[in-house]
Amino acid sequence: MITVTIDGEVRAYPEGTTYEAIVEEYQPRYGGLIALVTVDGRIRELFKRLRSDCRLGFCTLRDDIGYKTYVRSATMLFLKAVFDVFGPEAAQSCRVEFAIGNGNYICPWGQFPATPESAGKILARMRELVEAGTPFMKSSYPLDEAMELFRSHGMTDKEKLFRYRRSSSVNIYEMDGYYDYYYGYMLPNAGYVKWFDVISYEGGFMLLLPSKKNPTVVEPFRELKKLFSTMLESELWGRRVGLETVGDMNDLICQGGLNELILVQEAEQERRIGEIAKDIVGRGGVKFVMIAGPSSSGKTSFSHRLSIQLRTLGLRPHPIALDDYFVNREDTPLDENGDYNFECLEAIDVEKFNEDMGRLLRGEAVELPTFNFKIGRREYHGNYKKLEPEDILVIEGIHGLNEKMSYSLPNESKYKIYISALTMINVDEHNRIPTTDGRLLRRMVRDARTRGTVARRTIEMWPSVRKGEEENIFPYQEEADAMFNSVLIYELAVLKQYAEPLLFGIPKDVPEYYEAKRLLKFLDYFLSVSSESLPNNSICREFVGGSCFKV
């Protein structure tokens, strides 16, 4: 018998009992489906078995790591259904591209029809597999055997990925004759994947899943056409330059082609920034360029580079930070925990901002404020502005796209830009890289360099940062006149050398260790490269240092 401590209770179970059997007993006590267990602080899948005395904890779909496990399992279930309905070659053709809201876009790239009828067949087969409780079987293969397995199944992206793997073995999942590889944990069987839907969309499929906040409800798909178009454009650009997966990137690095790629990518970003500048000038009458985006999107570098492009077209840009219009600290709203909520709209003096901008638009001279973050108050230091015909204000802040922020300004005087770091490369065809991972690594590296913030603190704060983005930025992204993807296809290979020491510094006895371990495993797929070849105006420089801009 094995002694197990659960929620303060001491229980005894026969050696070899699966964690799944224990979870079935405790599941009624938990609001969300239990996806994983922690055994003395180490994460374990439910099909694993008790081997020694331990302390057991549970991870549900409301936990980040549990939710990712559900998404991963649902993805393999989808691909297994395609395998069964349309055949092995059809499953090989499917690429898990990116997420849009509650939908994961999976594209077969014309290898079989992505029609409503096809979506219905896939959905029906998925439900049959769920009803049958088809297991996700996990096996460890020697590296050479794993590469040969995927080569024989036509999954050359995985063969290429494993070529750069340091460990001697690979964990592979099998589902009734369908083999695949996933970086992360899986559920025991398809019976756990209870909530999903499949629809056809823009030449592919949307695998619709519940949110972490409400993990038992699949909301109808909400189209975000501008965001979808921007992400698809980035994916197609990666295809054109021959870089779709991490294996492709590693090959390029080994072949000595990275410096040329950096030049090509930076030129592509500069071309896009120039197009946005031309559109602003071409509209005529634009006086306020409003830039907004989530944390670590590179907003500051982008605004500087856009200003340079505007100057080449005869305009004279002036930067304004919405943060300078914060209300005084004592007037800042509090969140549900009693902490200052700096991210809500009420933390900004909206009336004063509109008054000042309106006066500028009427040709008056206005003294603009500067917010003193040390004392928590707005100050005035004689910074007067008056808009001449060639002047234009470049305004940066998280509420820039919210019409309530600039309610009194005529629409024709405003040009709104949404910027975010939207992933351009995936681990392989079936393991996408969430955009939040790239932004978290950017922020971690920047905050450690500029603020002395340890990685543990950055990870600890990240859920709060994401909550603010979901409330104050994402709802307004489709209102933008232009979208800009600030990610650089090579940047994770650059960030790796800075992020790894920070992540290794997180001790095992803190909650943030799980996320640190996941990110370290993720970064292990990439070959590391030096930042020396980065131009000094690169958006990546905002995070690793050496930028020519004040960022």
Protein backbone atom coordinates (compact mmCIF):
# COMPACT_ATOMS: atom_id res chain seq x y z
CA MET A 1 0.00 0.00 0.00
CA ILE A 2 1.11 3.55 -0.86
CA THR A 3 0.46 6.51 1.47
CA VAL A 4 -0.88 9.55 -0.40
CA THR A 5 -1.61 12.99 1.07
CA ILE A 6 -4.39 14.85 -0.78
CA ASP A 7 -5.85 18.19 0.35
CA GLY A 8 -4.55 17.53 3.86
CA GLU A 9 -6.04 14.02 3.96
CA VAL A 10 -3.85 10.94 4.29
CA ARG A 11 -5.05 8.03 2.16
CA ALA A 12 -3.71 4.58 1.26
CA TYR A 13 -3.87 3.03 -2.24
CA PRO A 14 -2.42 -0.15 -3.72
CA GLU A 15 0.88 0.29 -5.50
CA GLY A 16 0.30 0.67 -9.25
CA THR A 17 -3.03 2.50 -8.89
CA THR A 18 -3.42 4.98 -11.75
CA TYR A 19 -3.75 8.64 -10.92
CA GLU A 20 -6.88 8.58 -13.06
CA ALA A 21 -8.54 6.21 -10.57
CA ILE A 22 -7.75 8.60 -7.72
CA VAL A 23 -8.98 11.59 -9.71
CA GLU A 24 -12.35 9.92 -10.31
CA GLU A 25 -12.83 9.87 -6.55
CA TYR A 26 -11.92 13.54 -6.07
CA GLN A 27 -13.39 15.02 -9.25
CA PRO A 28 -16.78 15.92 -7.66
CA ARG A 29 -14.97 18.28 -5.26
CA TYR A 30 -13.55 20.37 -8.10
CA GLY A 31 -15.38 22.83 -10.35
CA GLY A 32 -13.34 22.06 -13.45
CA LEU A 33 -12.28 18.83 -15.12
CA ILE A 34 -9.03 17.53 -13.61
CA ALA A 35 -6.51 17.11 -16.42
CA LEU A 36 -3.22 16.41 -14.60
CA VAL A 37 -1.84 15.71 -11.14
CA THR A 38 1.20 17.01 -9.31
CA VAL A 39 3.22 14.39 -7.44
CA ASP A 40 5.47 16.02 -4.86
CA GLY A 41 5.46 19.08 -7.07
CA ARG A 42 6.16 17.24 -10.35
CA ILE A 43 3.46 17.15 -13.03
CA ARG A 44 2.21 13.73 -14.09
CA GLU A 45 -0.34 12.54 -16.66
CA LEU A 46 -3.35 10.65 -15.35
CA PHE A 47 -2.42 7.30 -16.93
CA LYS A 48 0.76 7.17 -14.81
CA ARG A 49 0.77 4.97 -11.68
CA LEU A 50 1.57 5.29 -7.98
CA ARG A 51 5.04 4.00 -7.15
CA SER A 52 5.91 5.55 -3.75
CA ASP A 53 4.50 7.62 -0.88
CA CYS A 54 3.73 11.14 -2.07
CA ARG A 55 1.73 14.34 -1.81
CA LEU A 56 -0.82 14.67 -4.62
CA GLY A 57 -2.35 17.81 -6.13
CA PHE A 58 -4.67 18.43 -9.07
CA CYS A 59 -4.59 20.67 -12.17
CA THR A 60 -7.95 21.47 -13.75
CA LEU A 61 -8.91 23.06 -17.07
CA ARG A 62 -9.04 26.40 -15.25
CA ASP A 63 -5.29 26.14 -14.66
CA ASP A 64 -3.10 27.21 -17.54
CA ILE A 65 -1.20 23.93 -17.75
CA GLY A 66 -4.42 21.90 -17.55
CA TYR A 67 -6.09 23.99 -20.24
CA LYS A 68 -3.11 23.61 -22.60
CA THR A 69 -3.34 19.85 -22.06
CA TYR A 70 -6.99 19.93 -23.16
CA VAL A 71 -6.19 21.97 -26.30
CA ARG A 72 -3.34 19.62 -27.19
CA SER A 73 -5.53 16.53 -26.77
CA ALA A 74 -8.38 18.06 -28.79
CA THR A 75 -5.94 18.86 -31.59
CA MET A 76 -4.70 15.27 -31.80
CA LEU A 77 -8.33 14.09 -31.71
CA PHE A 78 -9.10 16.34 -34.70
CA LEU A 79 -6.11 15.04 -36.67
CA LYS A 80 -6.96 11.42 -35.83
CA ALA A 81 -10.47 12.05 -37.18
CA VAL A 82 -9.03 13.47 -40.42
CA PHE A 83 -6.74 10.41 -40.59
CA ASP A 84 -9.75 8.09 -40.29
CA VAL A 85 -12.12 9.98 -42.60
CA PHE A 86 -9.82 11.25 -45.36
CA GLY A 87 -6.69 9.11 -45.01
CA PRO A 88 -3.07 9.43 -43.83
CA GLU A 89 -2.00 11.90 -46.54
CA ALA A 90 -4.87 14.22 -45.60
CA ALA A 91 -3.78 14.20 -41.94
CA GLN A 92 -0.18 14.88 -43.00
CA SER A 93 -1.32 17.91 -45.01
CA CYS A 94 -3.08 19.58 -42.07
CA ARG A 95 -1.18 22.43 -40.46
CA VAL A 96 -2.21 23.82 -37.09
CA GLU A 97 -1.56 27.45 -37.97
CA PHE A 98 -2.73 29.85 -35.24
CA ALA A 99 -5.54 30.69 -32.81
CA ILE A 100 -8.24 33.29 -33.41
CA GLY A 101 -10.38 33.83 -30.33
CA ASN A 102 -11.75 30.42 -29.34
CA GLY A 103 -10.86 28.90 -32.72
CA ASN A 104 -7.70 27.06 -33.77
CA TYR A 105 -7.19 27.44 -37.51
CA ILE A 106 -6.14 24.17 -39.14
CA CYS A 107 -5.51 24.25 -42.87
CA PRO A 108 -5.11 21.26 -45.24
CA TRP A 109 -3.72 23.55 -47.96
CA GLY A 110 -5.92 22.15 -50.69
CA GLN A 111 -5.10 18.47 -50.11
CA PHE A 112 -8.77 17.74 -49.38
CA PRO A 113 -11.86 19.96 -49.45
CA ALA A 114 -12.36 22.20 -46.41
CA THR A 115 -16.14 22.38 -46.81
CA PRO A 116 -19.03 22.36 -44.31
CA GLU A 117 -19.61 18.72 -45.32
CA SER A 118 -15.98 17.84 -44.52
CA ALA A 119 -16.22 19.66 -41.18
CA GLY A 120 -19.36 17.65 -40.37
CA LYS A 121 -17.63 14.36 -41.13
CA ILE A 122 -14.62 15.27 -38.99
CA LEU A 123 -16.87 16.38 -36.14
CA ALA A 124 -18.90 13.17 -36.29
CA ARG A 125 -15.77 11.00 -36.22
CA MET A 126 -14.35 13.00 -33.29
CA ARG A 127 -17.54 12.36 -31.33
CA GLU A 128 -17.33 8.63 -32.10
CA LEU A 129 -13.79 8.55 -30.73
CA VAL A 130 -14.92 10.45 -27.63
CA GLU A 131 -17.81 8.03 -27.10
CA ALA A 132 -15.42 5.09 -27.42
CA GLY A 133 -12.94 6.67 -24.98
CA THR A 134 -10.11 5.99 -27.42
CA PRO A 135 -6.87 6.24 -25.41
CA PHE A 136 -3.89 8.49 -26.04
CA MET A 137 -1.06 5.96 -25.70
CA LYS A 138 2.36 7.36 -24.76
CA SER A 139 5.58 5.53 -25.60
CA SER A 140 9.25 6.47 -25.42
CA TYR A 141 11.24 5.79 -28.58
CA PRO A 142 15.00 5.98 -29.16
CA LEU A 143 15.69 9.11 -31.17
CA ASP A 144 16.70 7.30 -34.37
CA GLU A 145 13.59 5.09 -34.25
CA ALA A 146 11.35 8.14 -33.70
CA MET A 147 12.88 9.88 -36.72
CA GLU A 148 12.38 6.78 -38.85
CA LEU A 149 8.78 6.41 -37.64
CA PHE A 150 7.84 9.93 -38.70
CA ARG A 151 9.82 9.65 -41.93
CA SER A 152 7.77 6.57 -42.83
CA HIS A 153 4.56 8.47 -42.02
CA GLY A 154 5.54 11.43 -44.20
CA MET A 155 5.96 13.81 -41.24
CA THR A 156 9.29 15.22 -42.38
CA ASP A 157 8.90 18.34 -40.20
CA LYS A 158 9.19 16.19 -37.07
CA GLU A 159 12.13 14.27 -38.48
CA LYS A 160 13.84 17.61 -39.09
CA LEU A 161 12.95 18.85 -35.58
CA PHE A 162 14.41 15.76 -33.89
CA ARG A 163 17.66 16.14 -35.82
CA TYR A 164 18.54 18.92 -33.35
CA ARG A 165 17.30 17.16 -30.22
CA ARG A 166 19.89 16.63 -27.49
CA SER A 167 18.14 13.85 -25.55
CA SER A 168 18.44 10.25 -26.73
CA SER A 169 14.70 9.47 -26.63
CA VAL A 170 11.37 10.98 -27.70
CA ASN A 171 7.87 10.55 -26.24
CA ILE A 172 5.36 9.77 -28.99
CA TYR A 173 1.60 9.53 -28.67
CA GLU A 174 -0.44 6.97 -30.55
CA MET A 175 -4.21 6.92 -31.01
CA ASP A 176 -5.48 3.71 -32.59
CA GLY A 177 -2.87 3.61 -35.35
CA TYR A 178 -2.29 7.36 -35.67
CA TYR A 179 1.10 8.58 -34.37
CA ASP A 180 2.05 12.15 -33.50
CA TYR A 181 4.37 14.19 -31.32
CA TYR A 182 3.34 17.02 -28.96
CA TYR A 183 5.46 19.14 -26.69
CA GLY A 184 3.51 18.91 -23.45
CA TYR A 185 1.14 16.64 -21.60
CA MET A 186 -1.98 14.82 -22.83
CA LEU A 187 -5.24 13.56 -21.34
CA PRO A 188 -5.68 9.78 -20.80
CA ASN A 189 -8.28 9.25 -23.50
CA ALA A 190 -10.67 10.97 -25.89
CA GLY A 191 -13.52 10.64 -23.39
CA TYR A 192 -12.05 13.61 -21.52
CA VAL A 193 -12.37 15.85 -24.59
CA LYS A 194 -16.04 16.63 -24.13
CA TRP A 195 -16.42 20.17 -25.43
CA PHE A 196 -15.54 21.17 -29.01
CA ASP A 197 -16.95 22.02 -32.42
CA VAL A 198 -15.60 22.10 -35.97
CA ILE A 199 -16.55 24.53 -38.74
CA SER A 200 -15.08 25.23 -42.17
CA TYR A 201 -13.47 28.65 -42.52
CA GLU A 202 -11.43 30.41 -45.21
CA GLY A 203 -10.01 27.33 -46.91
CA GLY A 204 -9.47 25.47 -43.66
CA PHE A 205 -11.19 24.52 -40.43
CA MET A 206 -11.73 26.18 -37.08
CA LEU A 207 -11.48 23.77 -34.16
CA LEU A 208 -13.61 25.59 -31.61
CA LEU A 209 -12.80 24.99 -27.94
CA PRO A 210 -13.99 26.39 -24.60
CA SER A 211 -12.08 29.11 -22.80
CA LYS A 212 -10.03 28.59 -19.65
CA LYS A 213 -12.44 30.90 -17.86
CA ASN A 214 -15.49 28.86 -18.88
CA PRO A 215 -14.08 25.42 -19.78
CA THR A 216 -17.38 23.59 -20.34
CA VAL A 217 -18.96 25.94 -22.88
CA VAL A 218 -18.00 26.31 -26.56
CA GLU A 219 -18.99 29.79 -27.65
CA PRO A 220 -19.99 30.48 -31.28
CA PHE A 221 -17.04 31.55 -33.40
CA ARG A 222 -16.58 35.32 -33.54
CA GLU A 223 -14.95 36.43 -36.75
CA LEU A 224 -11.94 38.72 -36.47
CA LYS A 225 -11.29 39.28 -40.16
CA LYS A 226 -8.51 41.84 -39.87
CA LEU A 227 -6.59 39.78 -37.33
CA PHE A 228 -7.09 36.59 -39.36
CA SER A 229 -5.86 38.30 -42.51
CA THR A 230 -2.76 39.66 -40.73
CA MET A 231 -1.86 36.27 -39.23
CA LEU A 232 -2.44 34.43 -42.50
CA GLU A 233 -0.31 36.98 -44.35
CA SER A 234 2.52 36.31 -41.88
CA GLU A 235 2.19 32.54 -42.34
CA LEU A 236 2.33 32.93 -46.13
CA TRP A 237 5.42 35.14 -45.86
CA GLY A 238 7.12 32.40 -43.85
CA ARG A 239 6.22 29.91 -46.56
CA ARG A 240 7.67 32.16 -49.24
CA VAL A 241 11.05 32.38 -47.49
CA GLY A 242 11.00 28.64 -46.71
CA LEU A 243 10.65 28.96 -42.92
CA GLU A 244 7.55 27.34 -41.48
CA THR A 245 8.90 25.36 -38.54
CA VAL A 246 11.67 25.44 -35.96
CA GLY A 247 13.45 22.70 -37.89
CA ASP A 248 13.56 24.97 -40.95
CA MET A 249 15.04 27.75 -38.81
CA ASN A 250 17.69 25.47 -37.31
CA ASP A 251 18.68 24.27 -40.77
CA LEU A 252 19.10 27.87 -41.94
CA ILE A 253 21.25 28.73 -38.92
CA CYS A 254 23.52 25.72 -39.57
CA GLN A 255 23.82 26.71 -43.23
CA GLY A 256 24.98 30.22 -42.28
CA GLY A 257 21.95 31.96 -43.76
CA LEU A 258 20.72 33.82 -40.68
CA ASN A 259 22.31 37.20 -41.41
CA GLU A 260 20.62 37.39 -44.80
CA LEU A 261 17.30 36.39 -43.22
CA ILE A 262 17.64 39.19 -40.66
CA LEU A 263 18.12 41.72 -43.46
CA VAL A 264 15.18 40.36 -45.43
CA GLN A 265 12.85 40.31 -42.40
CA GLU A 266 13.81 43.81 -41.28
CA ALA A 267 13.31 45.09 -44.83
CA GLU A 268 9.87 43.48 -44.93
CA GLN A 269 8.89 45.20 -41.67
CA GLU A 270 10.18 48.53 -42.92
CA ARG A 271 8.20 48.11 -46.14
CA ARG A 272 5.03 47.49 -44.14
CA ILE A 273 5.66 50.48 -41.86
CA GLY A 274 6.18 52.62 -44.95
CA GLU A 275 2.86 51.44 -46.39
CA ILE A 276 1.06 52.45 -43.20
CA ALA A 277 2.74 55.87 -43.29
CA LYS A 278 1.64 56.38 -46.91
CA ASP A 279 -1.92 55.41 -46.02
CA ILE A 280 -1.95 57.96 -43.19
CA VAL A 281 -0.73 60.74 -45.47
CA GLY A 282 -2.99 59.67 -48.32
CA ARG A 283 -6.11 60.03 -46.21
CA GLY A 284 -5.48 63.71 -45.56
CA GLY A 285 -6.54 65.48 -42.39
CA VAL A 286 -5.13 62.88 -39.99
CA LYS A 287 -3.73 64.61 -36.91
CA PHE A 288 -3.82 61.78 -34.35
CA VAL A 289 -2.18 58.39 -34.94
CA MET A 290 -3.46 56.14 -32.14
CA ILE A 291 -1.26 53.07 -31.47
CA ALA A 292 -2.34 50.26 -29.14
CA GLY A 293 -1.32 46.68 -28.54
CA PRO A 294 -0.75 44.13 -25.79
CA SER A 295 2.30 43.98 -23.54
CA SER A 296 5.71 43.59 -25.21
CA SER A 297 4.40 44.18 -28.71
CA GLY A 298 7.21 46.61 -29.53
CA LYS A 299 4.93 49.65 -29.57
CA THR A 300 7.69 52.11 -28.69
CA SER A 301 10.12 51.01 -31.41
CA PHE A 302 7.28 50.84 -33.92
CA SER A 303 6.13 54.38 -33.11
CA HIS A 304 9.68 55.68 -33.61
CA ARG A 305 10.07 53.90 -36.93
CA LEU A 306 6.63 55.06 -38.09
CA SER A 307 7.57 58.63 -37.15
CA ILE A 308 10.68 58.39 -39.33
CA GLN A 309 8.59 57.20 -42.27
CA LEU A 310 6.10 60.04 -41.73
CA ARG A 311 8.97 62.53 -41.77
CA THR A 312 10.15 61.23 -45.14
CA LEU A 313 6.66 62.06 -46.44
CA GLY A 314 6.81 65.66 -45.25
CA LEU A 315 5.06 65.43 -41.88
CA ARG A 316 6.44 66.39 -38.50
CA PRO A 317 5.43 63.76 -35.91
CA HIS A 318 5.32 64.40 -32.15
CA PRO A 319 5.07 61.50 -29.66
CA ILE A 320 2.50 61.53 -26.87
CA ALA A 321 2.10 58.78 -24.25
CA LEU A 322 -1.38 58.19 -22.88
CA ASP A 323 0.33 57.24 -19.61
CA ASP A 324 1.03 60.95 -19.10
CA TYR A 325 -2.72 61.37 -18.64
CA PHE A 326 -2.99 58.98 -15.71
CA VAL A 327 -5.15 60.32 -12.91
CA ASN A 328 -3.29 61.09 -9.69
CA ARG A 329 -2.49 58.03 -7.63
CA GLU A 330 -5.13 58.69 -4.97
CA ASP A 331 -7.80 58.77 -7.70
CA THR A 332 -6.70 55.50 -9.36
CA PRO A 333 -9.42 52.80 -9.24
CA LEU A 334 -8.78 49.59 -7.32
CA ASP A 335 -9.21 46.06 -8.65
CA GLU A 336 -11.00 43.18 -6.94
CA ASN A 337 -7.88 42.51 -4.83
CA GLY A 338 -7.64 46.09 -3.60
CA ASP A 339 -4.60 46.87 -5.78
CA TYR A 340 -4.30 49.87 -8.08
CA ASN A 341 -5.82 49.09 -11.47
CA PHE A 342 -3.62 51.05 -13.88
CA GLU A 343 -4.99 49.27 -16.94
CA CYS A 344 -8.66 50.26 -16.80
CA LEU A 345 -9.91 53.26 -18.77
CA GLU A 346 -10.88 55.04 -15.54
CA ALA A 347 -7.17 55.23 -14.63
CA ILE A 348 -6.82 57.79 -17.45
CA ASP A 349 -8.11 61.37 -17.25
CA VAL A 350 -10.14 60.95 -20.44
CA GLU A 351 -11.80 64.36 -20.14
CA LYS A 352 -8.49 66.20 -19.87
CA PHE A 353 -7.03 64.26 -22.80
CA ASN A 354 -9.97 65.13 -25.02
CA GLU A 355 -9.90 68.75 -23.91
CA ASP A 356 -6.18 69.09 -24.75
CA MET A 357 -6.44 67.27 -28.09
CA GLY A 358 -9.50 69.29 -29.07
CA ARG A 359 -7.70 72.55 -28.38
CA LEU A 360 -4.70 71.38 -30.41
CA LEU A 361 -7.00 70.50 -33.29
CA ARG A 362 -8.43 74.04 -33.16
CA GLY A 363 -4.91 75.49 -33.50
CA GLU A 364 -4.43 76.52 -29.87
CA ALA A 365 -1.20 76.17 -27.90
CA VAL A 366 -1.51 73.55 -25.14
CA GLU A 367 0.80 72.67 -22.27
CA LEU A 368 1.04 68.88 -22.16
CA PRO A 369 1.52 66.97 -18.89
CA THR A 370 4.18 64.48 -17.80
CA PHE A 371 3.25 61.82 -15.28
CA ASN A 372 5.68 61.42 -12.40
CA PHE A 373 5.47 57.73 -11.55
CA LYS A 374 7.56 58.11 -8.39
CA ILE A 375 5.07 60.41 -6.67
CA GLY A 376 2.02 59.32 -8.67
CA ARG A 377 0.97 62.73 -9.98
CA ARG A 378 0.75 64.67 -13.25
CA GLU A 379 3.23 67.53 -13.59
CA TYR A 380 3.68 70.40 -16.04
CA HIS A 381 7.13 71.51 -17.16
CA GLY A 382 6.39 73.97 -19.95
CA ASN A 383 5.96 71.37 -22.70
CA TYR A 384 3.79 73.46 -25.02
CA LYS A 385 2.51 72.14 -28.34
CA LYS A 386 0.72 73.84 -31.21
CA LEU A 387 -0.25 71.94 -34.33
CA GLU A 388 0.98 73.44 -37.58
CA PRO A 389 -0.27 72.10 -40.94
CA GLU A 390 2.57 69.56 -41.20
CA ASP A 391 2.40 68.43 -37.53
CA ILE A 392 0.90 65.08 -36.51
CA LEU A 393 0.67 63.47 -33.05
CA VAL A 394 1.74 59.84 -32.58
CA ILE A 395 -0.14 58.67 -29.49
CA GLU A 396 0.74 55.38 -27.80
CA GLY A 397 -1.25 53.64 -25.05
CA ILE A 398 -3.32 50.56 -24.33
CA HIS A 399 -6.62 52.42 -24.79
CA GLY A 400 -5.70 53.98 -28.13
CA LEU A 401 -8.27 51.92 -30.09
CA ASN A 402 -11.12 52.47 -27.62
CA GLU A 403 -13.43 55.11 -29.04
CA LYS A 404 -14.25 56.25 -25.50
CA MET A 405 -10.64 57.38 -25.14
CA SER A 406 -10.92 59.93 -27.96
CA TYR A 407 -14.70 60.37 -28.11
CA SER A 408 -14.64 64.11 -28.88
CA LEU A 409 -12.18 63.97 -31.79
CA PRO A 410 -13.55 63.73 -35.34
CA ASN A 411 -13.08 60.28 -36.88
CA GLU A 412 -11.40 61.75 -39.94
CA SER A 413 -8.67 63.21 -37.71
CA LYS A 414 -7.74 59.79 -36.25
CA TYR A 415 -5.84 56.82 -37.63
CA LYS A 416 -5.80 53.71 -35.41
CA ILE A 417 -3.08 51.07 -35.48
CA TYR A 418 -3.15 47.72 -33.69
CA ILE A 419 0.28 46.16 -33.11
CA SER A 420 1.03 42.74 -31.69
CA ALA A 421 3.69 40.04 -31.85
CA LEU A 422 1.83 37.40 -33.85
CA THR A 423 3.82 34.18 -34.18
CA MET A 424 5.20 33.47 -37.67
CA ILE A 425 6.76 30.07 -37.03
CA ASN A 426 5.61 26.86 -35.33
CA VAL A 427 7.46 24.03 -33.61
CA ASP A 428 6.18 21.69 -36.33
CA GLU A 429 3.01 21.29 -38.38
CA HIS A 430 0.93 20.24 -35.38
CA ASN A 431 2.53 22.20 -32.51
CA ARG A 432 1.85 25.90 -32.84
CA ILE A 433 3.66 28.52 -30.80
CA PRO A 434 1.15 30.71 -28.90
CA THR A 435 1.68 34.42 -29.44
CA THR A 436 1.60 34.87 -25.65
CA ASP A 437 4.76 32.73 -25.26
CA GLY A 438 6.79 35.05 -27.48
CA ARG A 439 5.52 38.16 -25.71
CA LEU A 440 6.17 36.65 -22.27
CA LEU A 441 9.77 35.88 -23.22
CA ARG A 442 10.21 39.38 -24.65
CA ARG A 443 8.92 40.95 -21.44
CA MET A 444 10.98 38.68 -19.23
CA VAL A 445 14.22 39.59 -21.01
CA ARG A 446 13.43 43.32 -21.16
CA ASP A 447 12.27 43.63 -17.54
CA ALA A 448 15.33 41.79 -16.24
CA ARG A 449 17.60 44.12 -18.21
CA THR A 450 15.86 47.46 -17.60
CA ARG A 451 14.08 47.01 -14.26
CA GLY A 452 15.97 44.24 -12.51
CA THR A 453 12.77 42.15 -12.38
CA VAL A 454 13.39 38.44 -11.83
CA ALA A 455 11.75 35.96 -14.21
CA ARG A 456 9.64 34.50 -11.43
CA ARG A 457 7.98 37.89 -10.86
CA THR A 458 7.32 38.37 -14.58
CA ILE A 459 5.60 34.98 -14.78
CA GLU A 460 3.66 35.70 -11.58
CA MET A 461 2.34 38.99 -13.00
CA TRP A 462 1.55 37.61 -16.45
CA PRO A 463 -2.04 36.42 -15.73
CA SER A 464 -2.92 39.91 -14.47
CA VAL A 465 -1.33 41.48 -17.56
CA ARG A 466 -3.28 39.12 -19.82
CA LYS A 467 -6.51 39.90 -18.00
CA GLY A 468 -5.99 43.62 -18.63
CA GLU A 469 -5.31 42.95 -22.32
CA GLU A 470 -8.44 40.86 -22.72
CA GLU A 471 -10.54 43.59 -21.13
CA ASN A 472 -8.99 46.72 -22.59
CA ILE A 473 -7.22 45.89 -25.87
CA PHE A 474 -8.46 42.77 -27.65
CA PRO A 475 -12.14 43.84 -27.80
CA TYR A 476 -11.15 46.86 -29.94
CA GLN A 477 -8.51 45.35 -32.26
CA GLU A 478 -10.86 45.01 -35.23
CA GLU A 479 -11.53 48.77 -35.11
CA ALA A 480 -7.97 49.48 -36.22
CA ASP A 481 -7.31 51.09 -39.60
CA ALA A 482 -4.10 49.03 -39.86
CA MET A 483 -2.60 46.01 -38.13
CA PHE A 484 1.11 45.44 -37.75
CA ASN A 485 2.79 42.16 -36.80
CA SER A 486 5.92 43.07 -34.87
CA VAL A 487 7.28 39.55 -34.49
CA LEU A 488 10.56 38.66 -36.15
CA ILE A 489 10.70 35.13 -37.48
CA TYR A 490 14.18 34.58 -36.00
CA GLU A 491 13.71 36.32 -32.64
CA LEU A 492 13.16 33.27 -30.42
CA ALA A 493 16.59 31.98 -31.43
CA VAL A 494 17.98 35.34 -30.28
CA LEU A 495 15.92 35.62 -27.09
CA LYS A 496 16.95 32.11 -26.02
CA GLN A 497 20.43 33.12 -24.81
CA TYR A 498 18.93 35.84 -22.59
CA ALA A 499 15.87 33.96 -21.32
CA GLU A 500 17.38 30.60 -20.37
CA PRO A 501 19.57 31.83 -17.47
CA LEU A 502 16.59 33.78 -16.09
CA LEU A 503 14.33 30.72 -16.24
CA PHE A 504 16.94 28.40 -14.70
CA GLY A 505 17.04 30.84 -11.77
CA ILE A 506 13.48 30.00 -10.73
CA PRO A 507 13.53 27.52 -7.80
CA LYS A 508 11.54 24.28 -7.83
CA ASP A 509 9.50 25.09 -4.73
CA VAL A 510 7.48 27.99 -6.23
CA PRO A 511 4.34 27.83 -8.42
CA GLU A 512 6.09 29.61 -11.32
CA TYR A 513 8.52 26.71 -11.68
CA TYR A 514 6.06 24.74 -13.85
CA GLU A 515 5.84 27.55 -16.40
CA ALA A 516 9.62 28.05 -16.30
CA LYS A 517 10.17 24.36 -16.99
CA ARG A 518 7.71 24.45 -19.90
CA LEU A 519 9.41 27.47 -21.45
CA LEU A 520 12.85 25.92 -21.04
CA LYS A 521 11.68 22.79 -22.83
CA PHE A 522 10.20 24.98 -25.56
CA LEU A 523 13.41 26.98 -26.01
CA ASP A 524 15.40 23.75 -26.20
CA TYR A 525 14.01 23.21 -29.72
CA PHE A 526 15.86 26.30 -30.98
CA LEU A 527 19.51 26.72 -31.81
CA SER A 528 20.76 29.89 -30.12
CA VAL A 529 22.19 32.76 -32.16
CA SER A 530 23.95 36.01 -31.28
CA SER A 531 22.20 39.38 -31.35
CA GLU A 532 25.25 41.09 -32.85
CA SER A 533 23.82 41.12 -36.39
CA LEU A 534 20.57 42.85 -35.38
CA PRO A 535 20.18 46.39 -36.75
CA ASN A 536 20.08 49.00 -33.98
CA ASN A 537 16.57 50.05 -34.99
CA SER A 538 15.21 46.48 -34.84
CA ILE A 539 12.12 45.93 -32.72
CA CYS A 540 14.00 43.03 -31.11
CA ARG A 541 16.51 45.57 -29.76
CA GLU A 542 13.76 47.00 -27.55
CA PHE A 543 14.02 43.78 -25.53
CA VAL A 544 17.63 42.58 -25.76
CA GLY A 545 19.18 46.07 -25.65
CA GLY A 546 21.25 48.17 -28.04
CA SER A 547 18.40 50.11 -29.64
CA CYS A 548 19.09 53.49 -31.19
CA PHE A 549 15.72 54.63 -29.87
CA LYS A 550 14.83 55.63 -26.32
CA VAL A 551 12.85 52.53 -25.40
